[in-house]
Amino acid sequence: MLGVVVDASPVEAIEIGREALALAESLGLEELRAHALNTIGIARMELDDMGGIEELEESLRLVLEHGSPFEITRVYNNLAWGYVFAGRMDDAVRASAAQLETARQFALSLRWAAPTGLAENIFIQGDWGQALSLVEAVLEQSQGEPAGVFALELRAEIRLARGELVESMGRCGAPSGAGQCGGGGWQRVPCDNRPCRACVRPPT
């Protein structure tokens, strides 16, 4: 709902979302109410308003009772992003893990996105070993599918953080068409039409 509007104009998205919320409440449509709260919450976060997490949490409560499995994973994803933005990494990891569990329970087509998102949050949280294990499992199962490209980039970033520069600064492992990282020059090299994060950002 209003995904494009949220990205282009968060203020407008909040206004429209609140109109939709009022309509949903007047008609007793709980799933629509959850959807509207999700939109409002994300839009507020886009404006650096941490209060948007409250709408996202209320959206999750409603969607768990009245929403479809796909909507549940969608709200978990947005809530995890909100928690990361707010620096609440333990909550972010829990939300990402719940998203992955829901996707697996209902066989939803989030095979690589959900576990890779969880791995990234675990990496940010500080458990680099577990994050790398999750990423390696995704790569083993994806067998070079395009959906595994982000996992390749995340693996390179983890290896950089661990000081494994030889593997990270060589070929990043993306599918055909991927370039090689510049030998120590940190050149921007396209990996499947996207810059590899390991190529453009030196370790800190």
Protein backbone atom coordinates (compact mmCIF):
# COMPACT_ATOMS: atom_id res chain seq x y z
CA MET A 1 0.00 0.00 0.00
CA LEU A 2 1.37 3.36 -1.02
CA GLY A 3 4.89 1.98 -1.34
CA VAL A 4 5.87 4.43 -4.06
CA VAL A 5 4.30 7.34 -2.19
CA VAL A 6 6.22 6.45 0.98
CA ASP A 7 9.51 6.59 -0.90
CA ALA A 8 8.71 9.76 -2.86
CA SER A 9 6.68 11.71 -0.32
CA PRO A 10 6.48 10.37 3.25
CA VAL A 11 4.37 13.31 4.38
CA GLU A 12 1.74 12.58 1.73
CA ALA A 13 1.89 8.89 2.60
CA ILE A 14 1.11 9.69 6.25
CA GLU A 15 -1.87 11.83 5.25
CA ILE A 16 -3.30 9.19 2.93
CA GLY A 17 -2.52 6.44 5.42
CA ARG A 18 -4.43 8.24 8.16
CA GLU A 19 -7.43 8.67 5.86
CA ALA A 20 -7.31 4.94 5.12
CA LEU A 21 -6.96 4.21 8.83
CA ALA A 22 -10.07 6.25 9.68
CA LEU A 23 -12.02 4.46 6.94
CA ALA A 24 -10.84 1.04 8.12
CA GLU A 25 -11.82 1.80 11.71
CA SER A 26 -15.28 3.04 10.67
CA LEU A 27 -15.88 -0.15 8.66
CA GLY A 28 -14.29 -2.53 11.13
CA LEU A 29 -11.73 -3.76 8.58
CA GLU A 30 -8.86 -4.89 10.78
CA GLU A 31 -6.50 -6.05 8.03
CA LEU A 32 -6.87 -2.73 6.23
CA ARG A 33 -6.28 -0.98 9.55
CA ALA A 34 -3.05 -2.94 9.98
CA HIS A 35 -2.03 -2.07 6.43
CA ALA A 36 -2.63 1.63 7.02
CA LEU A 37 -0.68 1.60 10.28
CA ASN A 38 2.19 -0.13 8.51
CA THR A 39 2.27 2.62 5.87
CA ILE A 40 2.10 5.39 8.46
CA GLY A 41 4.81 3.81 10.57
CA ILE A 42 7.26 3.38 7.69
CA ALA A 43 6.59 6.91 6.43
CA ARG A 44 7.25 8.36 9.89
CA MET A 45 10.52 6.44 10.08
CA GLU A 46 11.47 7.86 6.68
CA LEU A 47 11.12 11.28 8.31
CA ASP A 48 13.39 10.25 11.22
CA ASP A 49 10.38 10.07 13.52
CA MET A 50 11.05 7.12 15.85
CA GLY A 51 7.41 7.23 16.93
CA GLY A 52 6.67 5.32 13.74
CA ILE A 53 7.76 2.15 15.52
CA GLU A 54 4.59 2.33 17.63
CA GLU A 55 2.43 2.17 14.49
CA LEU A 56 4.50 -0.70 13.15
CA GLU A 57 4.15 -2.64 16.39
CA GLU A 58 0.39 -2.06 16.45
CA SER A 59 0.23 -3.09 12.80
CA LEU A 60 1.98 -6.35 13.67
CA ARG A 61 -0.42 -7.04 16.54
CA LEU A 62 -3.39 -6.60 14.22
CA VAL A 63 -1.97 -8.48 11.26
CA LEU A 64 -1.09 -11.49 13.43
CA GLU A 65 -4.78 -11.74 14.31
CA HIS A 66 -6.40 -10.71 11.04
CA GLY A 67 -3.86 -10.67 8.22
CA SER A 68 -2.53 -13.06 5.60
CA PRO A 69 0.85 -14.79 6.03
CA PHE A 70 2.33 -12.57 3.32
CA GLU A 71 1.22 -9.42 5.14
CA ILE A 72 2.67 -10.79 8.38
CA THR A 73 6.09 -11.22 6.76
CA ARG A 74 5.82 -7.75 5.23
CA VAL A 75 5.15 -6.11 8.59
CA TYR A 76 7.92 -8.11 10.29
CA ASN A 77 10.31 -6.91 7.56
CA ASN A 78 9.35 -3.25 8.00
CA LEU A 79 9.43 -3.52 11.77
CA ALA A 80 12.91 -5.07 11.65
CA TRP A 81 14.06 -2.17 9.46
CA GLY A 82 12.55 0.29 11.94
CA TYR A 83 14.34 -1.37 14.85
CA VAL A 84 17.66 -1.21 12.98
CA PHE A 85 17.07 2.46 12.26
CA ALA A 86 16.42 3.03 15.96
CA GLY A 87 19.48 1.04 17.03
CA ARG A 88 17.40 -1.71 18.68
CA MET A 89 19.34 -4.61 17.20
CA ASP A 90 18.09 -7.35 19.53
CA ASP A 91 14.52 -6.48 18.52
CA ALA A 92 15.57 -6.28 14.86
CA VAL A 93 17.03 -9.78 14.96
CA ARG A 94 13.90 -11.15 16.64
CA ALA A 95 11.66 -9.54 14.01
CA SER A 96 13.79 -10.86 11.15
CA ALA A 97 13.82 -14.35 12.68
CA ALA A 98 10.02 -14.25 13.02
CA GLN A 99 9.71 -13.16 9.39
CA LEU A 100 11.86 -16.10 8.28
CA GLU A 101 9.91 -18.55 10.44
CA THR A 102 6.59 -17.31 9.03
CA ALA A 103 7.89 -17.55 5.47
CA ARG A 104 9.03 -21.13 6.06
CA GLN A 105 5.83 -22.11 7.86
CA PHE A 106 3.66 -21.01 4.94
CA ALA A 107 6.15 -21.82 2.14
CA LEU A 108 6.25 -18.21 0.97
CA SER A 109 8.60 -17.14 -1.82
CA LEU A 110 11.10 -15.35 0.40
CA ARG A 111 13.70 -18.08 0.20
CA TRP A 112 16.78 -15.89 0.02
CA ALA A 113 15.57 -12.44 1.08
CA ALA A 114 14.38 -13.44 4.56
CA PRO A 115 17.46 -15.43 5.69
CA THR A 116 19.84 -12.88 4.17
CA GLY A 117 18.02 -10.06 5.96
CA LEU A 118 18.32 -11.98 9.22
CA ALA A 119 22.04 -12.58 8.56
CA GLU A 120 22.63 -8.88 7.97
CA ASN A 121 20.95 -7.91 11.23
CA ILE A 122 22.91 -10.56 13.13
CA PHE A 123 26.09 -9.18 11.53
CA ILE A 124 25.21 -5.64 12.64
CA GLN A 125 24.39 -7.00 16.09
CA GLY A 126 27.94 -8.33 16.28
CA ASP A 127 27.73 -12.11 15.82
CA TRP A 128 29.80 -12.29 12.65
CA GLY A 129 30.28 -16.05 12.79
CA GLN A 130 26.57 -16.84 12.90
CA ALA A 131 25.88 -14.25 10.20
CA LEU A 132 28.48 -15.82 7.92
CA SER A 133 27.06 -19.31 8.53
CA LEU A 134 23.59 -18.12 7.51
CA VAL A 135 24.93 -16.44 4.38
CA GLU A 136 26.92 -19.52 3.38
CA ALA A 137 23.76 -21.62 3.75
CA VAL A 138 21.85 -19.22 1.49
CA LEU A 139 24.58 -19.33 -1.15
CA GLU A 140 24.74 -23.12 -1.04
CA GLN A 141 20.99 -23.38 -1.61
CA SER A 142 20.61 -20.57 -4.15
CA GLN A 143 23.13 -22.08 -6.58
CA GLY A 144 23.94 -18.81 -8.31
CA GLU A 145 20.36 -17.55 -8.66
CA PRO A 146 20.09 -13.74 -9.00
CA ALA A 147 18.38 -13.61 -5.59
CA GLY A 148 21.68 -14.72 -4.05
CA VAL A 149 23.63 -11.63 -5.17
CA PHE A 150 22.89 -9.68 -2.00
CA ALA A 151 24.09 -12.68 0.01
CA LEU A 152 27.36 -12.59 -1.92
CA GLU A 153 27.79 -8.92 -1.13
CA LEU A 154 27.03 -9.51 2.53
CA ARG A 155 29.53 -12.37 2.68
CA ALA A 156 32.20 -10.08 1.23
CA GLU A 157 31.38 -7.39 3.81
CA ILE A 158 31.62 -9.89 6.67
CA ARG A 159 34.94 -11.16 5.39
CA LEU A 160 36.24 -7.61 5.17
CA ALA A 161 35.19 -6.97 8.76
CA ARG A 162 37.02 -10.14 9.82
CA GLY A 163 40.16 -9.02 8.00
CA GLU A 164 39.95 -11.64 5.28
CA LEU A 165 40.99 -9.11 2.63
CA VAL A 166 42.41 -11.52 0.05
CA GLU A 167 39.10 -13.28 -0.51
CA SER A 168 37.02 -10.10 -0.22
CA MET A 169 39.13 -7.94 -2.54
CA GLY A 170 39.34 -10.56 -5.27
CA ARG A 171 36.39 -11.66 -7.33
CA CYS A 172 33.32 -11.08 -5.19
CA GLY A 173 31.59 -14.15 -6.57
CA ALA A 174 28.57 -12.55 -8.26
CA PRO A 175 27.00 -14.24 -11.32
CA SER A 176 28.30 -13.79 -14.85
CA GLY A 177 29.16 -10.23 -15.77
CA ALA A 178 30.62 -9.40 -12.37
CA GLY A 179 33.89 -7.52 -12.39
CA GLN A 180 36.87 -7.74 -10.09
CA CYS A 181 37.62 -5.41 -7.26
CA GLY A 182 40.44 -2.98 -7.91
CA GLY A 183 43.70 -4.22 -6.43
CA GLY A 184 43.79 -2.04 -3.37
CA GLY A 185 42.25 0.92 -5.17
CA TRP A 186 38.68 0.43 -3.91
CA GLN A 187 37.27 1.02 -7.36
CA ARG A 188 33.54 1.01 -7.99
CA VAL A 189 33.04 -2.20 -9.95
CA PRO A 190 29.56 -3.37 -11.02
CA CYS A 191 28.45 -6.75 -9.75
CA ASP A 192 25.33 -7.82 -11.65
CA ASN A 193 24.46 -4.16 -12.27
CA ARG A 194 24.94 -3.15 -8.67
CA PRO A 195 28.12 -1.96 -6.94
CA CYS A 196 29.59 -4.56 -4.64
CA ARG A 197 29.71 -3.09 -1.16
CA ALA A 198 33.03 -4.82 -0.54
CA CYS A 199 34.51 -3.00 -3.53
CA VAL A 200 33.45 0.51 -2.62
CA ARG A 201 33.91 0.64 1.14
CA PRO A 202 37.22 -0.07 2.92
CA PRO A 203 37.18 -1.81 6.29
CA THR A 204 36.85 0.37 9.37
